[in-house]
Amino acid sequence: MRGFWNEVNWRLDDNALVMPNGQRIHLKQIVQWRSDLMIGQFDLTGRWPGWRVRQHWLIAPGGSMRRGRISEQHLRHLMQMHAWELKEASRRQLALFD
């Protein structure tokens, strides 16, 4: 498989870029992804349908920039608190505290 993912194995077919594994990426999607990257907004899919990222806000489905949003700093804080709680829980499970 060496060299399978180089640019020679990609091809342009009609209005889509065809990856070496056969998956098609439409050119409109590529342009939209690039535009979203430039202006700082993303629409999440898969397990997060309806969630959006605008600037540094994570916006819930049905929410707006004023209502139903979570800041990036708040998310980082929540993740750090979760890590601290896991560390504390594992510390308390040591034989010293039995």
N, C-alpha and C. Protein backbone atom coordinates (compact mmCIF):
# COMPACT_ATOMS: atom_id res chain seq x y z
N MET A 1 0.81 -1.21 0.00
CA MET A 1 0.00 0.00 0.00
C MET A 1 0.85 1.27 0.00
N ARG A 2 2.16 1.12 -0.05
CA ARG A 2 3.01 2.29 -0.03
C ARG A 2 2.71 3.18 -1.24
N GLY A 3 2.52 4.46 -1.00
CA GLY A 3 2.24 5.39 -2.07
C GLY A 3 0.79 5.41 -2.52
N PHE A 4 -0.07 4.61 -1.88
CA PHE A 4 -1.47 4.53 -2.30
C PHE A 4 -2.19 5.86 -2.13
N TRP A 5 -1.84 6.62 -1.07
CA TRP A 5 -2.55 7.87 -0.78
C TRP A 5 -1.85 9.09 -1.32
N ASN A 6 -1.06 8.95 -2.36
CA ASN A 6 -0.43 10.16 -2.91
C ASN A 6 -1.37 10.81 -3.93
N GLU A 7 -1.00 11.99 -4.37
CA GLU A 7 -1.91 12.77 -5.23
C GLU A 7 -2.11 12.13 -6.61
N VAL A 8 -1.25 11.21 -7.02
CA VAL A 8 -1.40 10.55 -8.33
C VAL A 8 -2.65 9.67 -8.32
N ASN A 9 -2.98 9.06 -7.19
CA ASN A 9 -4.10 8.13 -7.11
C ASN A 9 -5.46 8.81 -6.88
N TRP A 10 -5.47 10.11 -6.70
CA TRP A 10 -6.72 10.86 -6.58
C TRP A 10 -7.12 11.30 -7.99
N ARG A 11 -8.39 11.37 -8.27
CA ARG A 11 -8.79 11.83 -9.60
C ARG A 11 -10.05 12.69 -9.49
N LEU A 12 -10.19 13.57 -10.46
CA LEU A 12 -11.35 14.45 -10.53
C LEU A 12 -12.34 13.83 -11.50
N ASP A 13 -13.56 13.57 -11.02
CA ASP A 13 -14.58 12.94 -11.84
C ASP A 13 -15.83 13.80 -11.79
N ASP A 14 -16.15 14.45 -12.90
CA ASP A 14 -17.30 15.34 -13.00
C ASP A 14 -17.16 16.45 -11.98
N ASN A 15 -17.99 16.48 -10.93
CA ASN A 15 -17.92 17.55 -9.93
C ASN A 15 -17.50 17.02 -8.57
N ALA A 16 -16.71 15.94 -8.57
CA ALA A 16 -16.27 15.34 -7.31
C ALA A 16 -14.82 14.90 -7.41
N LEU A 17 -14.16 14.91 -6.27
CA LEU A 17 -12.82 14.39 -6.15
C LEU A 17 -12.94 12.96 -5.65
N VAL A 18 -12.37 12.00 -6.38
CA VAL A 18 -12.48 10.59 -6.02
C VAL A 18 -11.20 10.17 -5.30
N MET A 19 -11.37 9.69 -4.08
CA MET A 19 -10.25 9.26 -3.27
C MET A 19 -9.78 7.88 -3.75
N PRO A 20 -8.57 7.46 -3.38
CA PRO A 20 -8.08 6.14 -3.81
C PRO A 20 -8.96 4.98 -3.35
N ASN A 21 -9.70 5.14 -2.24
CA ASN A 21 -10.58 4.06 -1.78
C ASN A 21 -11.95 4.11 -2.43
N GLY A 22 -12.17 5.04 -3.36
CA GLY A 22 -13.43 5.12 -4.08
C GLY A 22 -14.43 6.10 -3.52
N GLN A 23 -14.17 6.65 -2.35
CA GLN A 23 -15.10 7.63 -1.76
C GLN A 23 -15.04 8.93 -2.56
N ARG A 24 -16.23 9.51 -2.76
CA ARG A 24 -16.34 10.74 -3.54
C ARG A 24 -16.56 11.93 -2.61
N ILE A 25 -15.80 12.98 -2.83
CA ILE A 25 -15.98 14.23 -2.10
C ILE A 25 -16.38 15.28 -3.12
N HIS A 26 -17.59 15.80 -2.98
CA HIS A 26 -18.07 16.79 -3.94
C HIS A 26 -17.31 18.10 -3.77
N LEU A 27 -17.05 18.76 -4.88
CA LEU A 27 -16.28 20.00 -4.84
C LEU A 27 -16.98 21.08 -4.04
N LYS A 28 -18.32 21.08 -4.04
CA LYS A 28 -19.06 22.05 -3.23
C LYS A 28 -18.76 21.86 -1.75
N GLN A 29 -18.61 20.59 -1.30
CA GLN A 29 -18.27 20.33 0.09
C GLN A 29 -16.88 20.86 0.42
N ILE A 30 -15.94 20.68 -0.48
CA ILE A 30 -14.58 21.16 -0.25
C ILE A 30 -14.56 22.67 -0.13
N VAL A 31 -15.27 23.33 -1.03
CA VAL A 31 -15.35 24.80 -0.99
C VAL A 31 -16.02 25.25 0.30
N GLN A 32 -17.08 24.56 0.72
CA GLN A 32 -17.79 24.92 1.95
C GLN A 32 -16.90 24.71 3.18
N TRP A 33 -16.18 23.58 3.22
CA TRP A 33 -15.26 23.32 4.35
C TRP A 33 -14.20 24.41 4.44
N ARG A 34 -13.65 24.79 3.29
CA ARG A 34 -12.61 25.82 3.28
C ARG A 34 -13.18 27.16 3.73
N SER A 35 -14.37 27.49 3.26
CA SER A 35 -15.02 28.73 3.67
C SER A 35 -15.30 28.73 5.17
N ASP A 36 -15.80 27.59 5.68
CA ASP A 36 -16.07 27.47 7.12
C ASP A 36 -14.81 27.65 7.93
N LEU A 37 -13.71 27.10 7.44
CA LEU A 37 -12.43 27.22 8.14
C LEU A 37 -11.98 28.67 8.19
N MET A 38 -12.17 29.38 7.09
CA MET A 38 -11.72 30.77 7.02
C MET A 38 -12.54 31.68 7.94
N ILE A 39 -13.85 31.45 8.04
CA ILE A 39 -14.68 32.34 8.87
C ILE A 39 -14.97 31.76 10.25
N GLY A 40 -14.45 30.57 10.54
CA GLY A 40 -14.58 30.01 11.88
C GLY A 40 -15.94 29.46 12.21
N GLN A 41 -16.58 28.78 11.28
CA GLN A 41 -17.87 28.16 11.58
C GLN A 41 -17.91 26.77 10.97
N PHE A 42 -18.51 25.82 11.71
CA PHE A 42 -18.61 24.44 11.26
C PHE A 42 -19.97 23.90 11.64
N ASP A 43 -20.52 23.03 10.84
CA ASP A 43 -21.74 22.31 11.17
C ASP A 43 -21.35 20.87 11.43
N LEU A 44 -21.66 20.38 12.62
CA LEU A 44 -21.25 19.04 13.02
C LEU A 44 -22.28 18.02 12.57
N THR A 45 -21.83 16.83 12.21
CA THR A 45 -22.73 15.77 11.75
C THR A 45 -22.42 14.50 12.51
N GLY A 46 -23.02 13.41 12.11
CA GLY A 46 -22.78 12.13 12.76
C GLY A 46 -23.48 12.05 14.09
N ARG A 47 -22.72 11.93 15.16
CA ARG A 47 -23.31 11.82 16.49
C ARG A 47 -23.79 13.16 17.03
N TRP A 48 -23.49 14.26 16.34
CA TRP A 48 -23.84 15.60 16.80
C TRP A 48 -24.73 16.33 15.80
N PRO A 49 -25.80 15.73 15.31
CA PRO A 49 -26.60 16.43 14.29
C PRO A 49 -27.25 17.69 14.87
N GLY A 50 -27.18 18.75 14.11
CA GLY A 50 -27.80 20.00 14.53
C GLY A 50 -26.88 20.92 15.32
N TRP A 51 -25.77 20.41 15.85
CA TRP A 51 -24.82 21.25 16.58
C TRP A 51 -23.97 22.02 15.59
N ARG A 52 -23.61 23.25 15.96
CA ARG A 52 -22.79 24.09 15.09
C ARG A 52 -21.67 24.74 15.90
N VAL A 53 -20.60 25.10 15.21
CA VAL A 53 -19.52 25.88 15.81
C VAL A 53 -19.48 27.20 15.07
N ARG A 54 -19.62 28.28 15.81
CA ARG A 54 -19.52 29.63 15.27
C ARG A 54 -18.52 30.39 16.12
N GLN A 55 -17.44 30.83 15.48
CA GLN A 55 -16.33 31.50 16.16
C GLN A 55 -15.83 30.59 17.28
N HIS A 56 -15.94 30.99 18.54
CA HIS A 56 -15.48 30.12 19.64
C HIS A 56 -16.65 29.59 20.47
N TRP A 57 -17.82 29.47 19.85
CA TRP A 57 -19.01 28.99 20.54
C TRP A 57 -19.48 27.66 19.95
N LEU A 58 -19.88 26.72 20.80
CA LEU A 58 -20.56 25.50 20.39
C LEU A 58 -22.04 25.75 20.62
N ILE A 59 -22.83 25.65 19.57
CA ILE A 59 -24.25 26.03 19.64
C ILE A 59 -25.10 24.78 19.52
N ALA A 60 -26.00 24.61 20.49
CA ALA A 60 -26.89 23.44 20.53
C ALA A 60 -27.94 23.54 19.43
N PRO A 61 -28.55 22.39 19.05
CA PRO A 61 -29.62 22.44 18.05
C PRO A 61 -30.75 23.36 18.52
N GLY A 62 -31.19 24.24 17.66
CA GLY A 62 -32.25 25.18 18.00
C GLY A 62 -31.74 26.42 18.72
N GLY A 63 -30.47 26.45 19.05
CA GLY A 63 -29.89 27.60 19.74
C GLY A 63 -29.44 28.66 18.75
N SER A 64 -28.96 29.74 19.30
CA SER A 64 -28.46 30.83 18.47
C SER A 64 -27.18 31.37 19.09
N MET A 65 -26.62 32.41 18.49
CA MET A 65 -25.41 33.01 19.05
C MET A 65 -25.69 33.65 20.41
N ARG A 66 -26.94 33.99 20.69
CA ARG A 66 -27.29 34.62 21.97
C ARG A 66 -27.82 33.61 23.00
N ARG A 67 -28.38 32.50 22.53
CA ARG A 67 -29.03 31.55 23.44
C ARG A 67 -28.64 30.13 23.05
N GLY A 68 -28.38 29.29 24.03
CA GLY A 68 -28.07 27.89 23.76
C GLY A 68 -26.67 27.67 23.25
N ARG A 69 -25.71 28.39 23.82
CA ARG A 69 -24.33 28.28 23.35
C ARG A 69 -23.39 27.96 24.50
N ILE A 70 -22.23 27.38 24.17
CA ILE A 70 -21.21 27.04 25.15
C ILE A 70 -19.90 27.57 24.60
N SER A 71 -19.15 28.29 25.43
CA SER A 71 -17.88 28.84 24.94
C SER A 71 -16.79 27.78 24.95
N GLU A 72 -15.79 27.99 24.14
CA GLU A 72 -14.65 27.09 24.07
C GLU A 72 -13.93 27.02 25.41
N GLN A 73 -13.81 28.16 26.09
CA GLN A 73 -13.15 28.19 27.39
C GLN A 73 -13.92 27.37 28.42
N HIS A 74 -15.24 27.46 28.37
CA HIS A 74 -16.07 26.69 29.31
C HIS A 74 -15.92 25.19 29.05
N LEU A 75 -15.88 24.80 27.77
CA LEU A 75 -15.68 23.39 27.44
C LEU A 75 -14.33 22.88 27.94
N ARG A 76 -13.28 23.70 27.76
CA ARG A 76 -11.96 23.31 28.26
C ARG A 76 -11.99 23.14 29.77
N HIS A 77 -12.67 24.06 30.45
CA HIS A 77 -12.77 23.97 31.91
C HIS A 77 -13.50 22.70 32.33
N LEU A 78 -14.60 22.38 31.65
CA LEU A 78 -15.35 21.16 31.98
C LEU A 78 -14.50 19.91 31.77
N MET A 79 -13.72 19.88 30.68
CA MET A 79 -12.86 18.72 30.42
C MET A 79 -11.77 18.61 31.48
N GLN A 80 -11.20 19.74 31.91
CA GLN A 80 -10.18 19.72 32.94
C GLN A 80 -10.76 19.26 34.28
N MET A 81 -11.96 19.74 34.61
CA MET A 81 -12.62 19.32 35.86
C MET A 81 -12.89 17.81 35.83
N HIS A 82 -13.31 17.29 34.69
CA HIS A 82 -13.56 15.85 34.56
C HIS A 82 -12.27 15.06 34.78
N ALA A 83 -11.17 15.55 34.20
CA ALA A 83 -9.88 14.88 34.38
C ALA A 83 -9.46 14.90 35.84
N TRP A 84 -9.68 16.03 36.52
CA TRP A 84 -9.34 16.13 37.95
C TRP A 84 -10.19 15.17 38.78
N GLU A 85 -11.48 15.08 38.44
CA GLU A 85 -12.37 14.17 39.18
C GLU A 85 -11.95 12.72 39.00
N LEU A 86 -11.56 12.34 37.78
CA LEU A 86 -11.07 10.98 37.55
C LEU A 86 -9.80 10.70 38.33
N LYS A 87 -8.91 11.68 38.36
CA LYS A 87 -7.66 11.52 39.10
C LYS A 87 -7.93 11.38 40.59
N GLU A 88 -8.84 12.19 41.12
CA GLU A 88 -9.19 12.13 42.54
C GLU A 88 -9.87 10.79 42.87
N ALA A 89 -10.74 10.33 42.00
CA ALA A 89 -11.42 9.05 42.24
C ALA A 89 -10.41 7.90 42.25
N SER A 90 -9.45 7.93 41.34
CA SER A 90 -8.45 6.86 41.32
C SER A 90 -7.54 6.97 42.54
N ARG A 91 -7.26 8.18 43.00
CA ARG A 91 -6.44 8.36 44.20
C ARG A 91 -7.14 7.80 45.42
N ARG A 92 -8.46 8.01 45.50
CA ARG A 92 -9.22 7.53 46.66
C ARG A 92 -9.37 6.01 46.67
N GLN A 93 -9.17 5.39 45.53
CA GLN A 93 -9.28 3.94 45.47
C GLN A 93 -8.00 3.23 45.91
N LEU A 94 -6.98 3.99 46.24
CA LEU A 94 -5.74 3.39 46.74
C LEU A 94 -5.98 2.69 48.07
N ALA A 95 -5.14 1.76 48.41
CA ALA A 95 -5.28 0.98 49.64
C ALA A 95 -5.18 1.85 50.89
N LEU A 96 -4.56 3.00 50.81
CA LEU A 96 -4.40 3.90 51.96
C LEU A 96 -5.73 4.38 52.51
N PHE A 97 -6.76 4.48 51.66
CA PHE A 97 -8.04 5.04 52.07
C PHE A 97 -9.09 3.99 52.40
N ASP A 98 -8.72 2.74 52.49
CA ASP A 98 -9.70 1.69 52.81
C ASP A 98 -9.93 1.56 54.28
